[in-house]
Amino acid sequence: MNALKFDSEEIALIDNVFYLHAPDGIGRSKLAARVERLLGVGATARNWRTVSKIGEMARGVS
C-alpha cells in the first residue's frame, strides 16, 4: 500500500477499519482505486462532511 500512496496521503488500519486521508482527492488516489483488491474485502467511503452529518443525525442535532 505504501508503494501506491502519494506522499500527501495518510493511511491507518485500526481494528477492522481502514482509514485513508487523501487531501488531493479520492478520485486522484491510486491507492483508493485499488484498496478493495489489496485488502480482499468490499469497501465504502465517506467524506468528512458526510461523517459529521451522520454523527449529528445520530445525536439528534440539526
Protein backbone atom coordinates (compact mmCIF):
# COMPACT_ATOMS: atom_id res chain seq x y z
CA MET A 1 0.00 0.00 0.00
CA ASN A 2 2.79 2.41 0.80
CA ALA A 3 4.12 1.99 -2.75
CA LEU A 4 0.77 3.15 -4.17
CA LYS A 5 0.02 6.04 -1.86
CA PHE A 6 1.00 9.60 -2.65
CA ASP A 7 3.28 11.40 -0.18
CA SER A 8 0.36 13.65 0.79
CA GLU A 9 -1.87 10.69 1.71
CA GLU A 10 -2.07 9.15 5.16
CA ILE A 11 -3.29 5.64 5.91
CA ALA A 12 -4.15 3.67 9.04
CA LEU A 13 -5.60 0.23 9.69
CA ILE A 14 -7.22 0.18 13.12
CA ASP A 15 -9.09 -2.94 14.20
CA ASN A 16 -11.15 -3.78 11.11
CA VAL A 17 -11.29 -0.22 9.73
CA PHE A 18 -9.03 1.18 7.02
CA TYR A 19 -8.62 4.95 7.03
CA LEU A 20 -7.32 6.91 4.06
CA HIS A 21 -6.82 10.67 4.14
CA ALA A 22 -6.44 11.83 0.55
CA PRO A 23 -6.17 15.63 0.64
CA ASP A 24 -5.75 15.82 -3.15
CA GLY A 25 -8.99 13.87 -3.68
CA ILE A 26 -10.06 10.24 -3.71
CA GLY A 27 -10.52 10.38 -7.48
CA ARG A 28 -6.80 11.04 -7.94
CA SER A 29 -5.65 8.40 -5.44
CA LYS A 30 -4.09 5.27 -6.92
CA LEU A 31 -4.43 3.60 -3.52
CA ALA A 32 -8.15 4.34 -3.22
CA ALA A 33 -8.75 2.77 -6.63
CA ARG A 34 -7.12 -0.49 -5.52
CA VAL A 35 -7.80 -0.73 -1.80
CA GLU A 36 -10.63 -3.29 -2.04
CA ARG A 37 -8.49 -5.70 -4.00
CA LEU A 38 -5.48 -5.14 -1.75
CA LEU A 39 -7.47 -5.76 1.44
CA GLY A 40 -9.57 -8.55 -0.04
CA VAL A 41 -12.85 -7.05 1.20
CA GLY A 42 -15.52 -4.69 -0.07
CA ALA A 43 -15.17 -1.06 0.92
CA THR A 44 -17.26 2.05 1.20
CA ALA A 45 -16.07 5.61 1.54
CA ARG A 46 -17.42 8.72 3.20
CA ASN A 47 -16.01 12.21 3.17
CA TRP A 48 -15.63 14.08 6.45
CA ARG A 49 -18.66 16.29 5.82
CA THR A 50 -20.85 13.19 5.47
CA VAL A 51 -19.35 11.56 8.58
CA SER A 52 -20.03 14.74 10.55
CA LYS A 53 -23.63 14.92 9.32
CA ILE A 54 -24.25 11.27 10.24
CA GLY A 55 -22.85 12.00 13.71
CA GLU A 56 -25.20 14.98 14.09
CA MET A 57 -28.18 12.89 13.00
CA ALA A 58 -27.25 10.13 15.46
CA ARG A 59 -27.08 12.69 18.29
CA GLY A 60 -30.35 14.31 17.20
CA VAL A 61 -28.70 17.64 16.34
CA SER A 62 -29.83 19.60 13.26
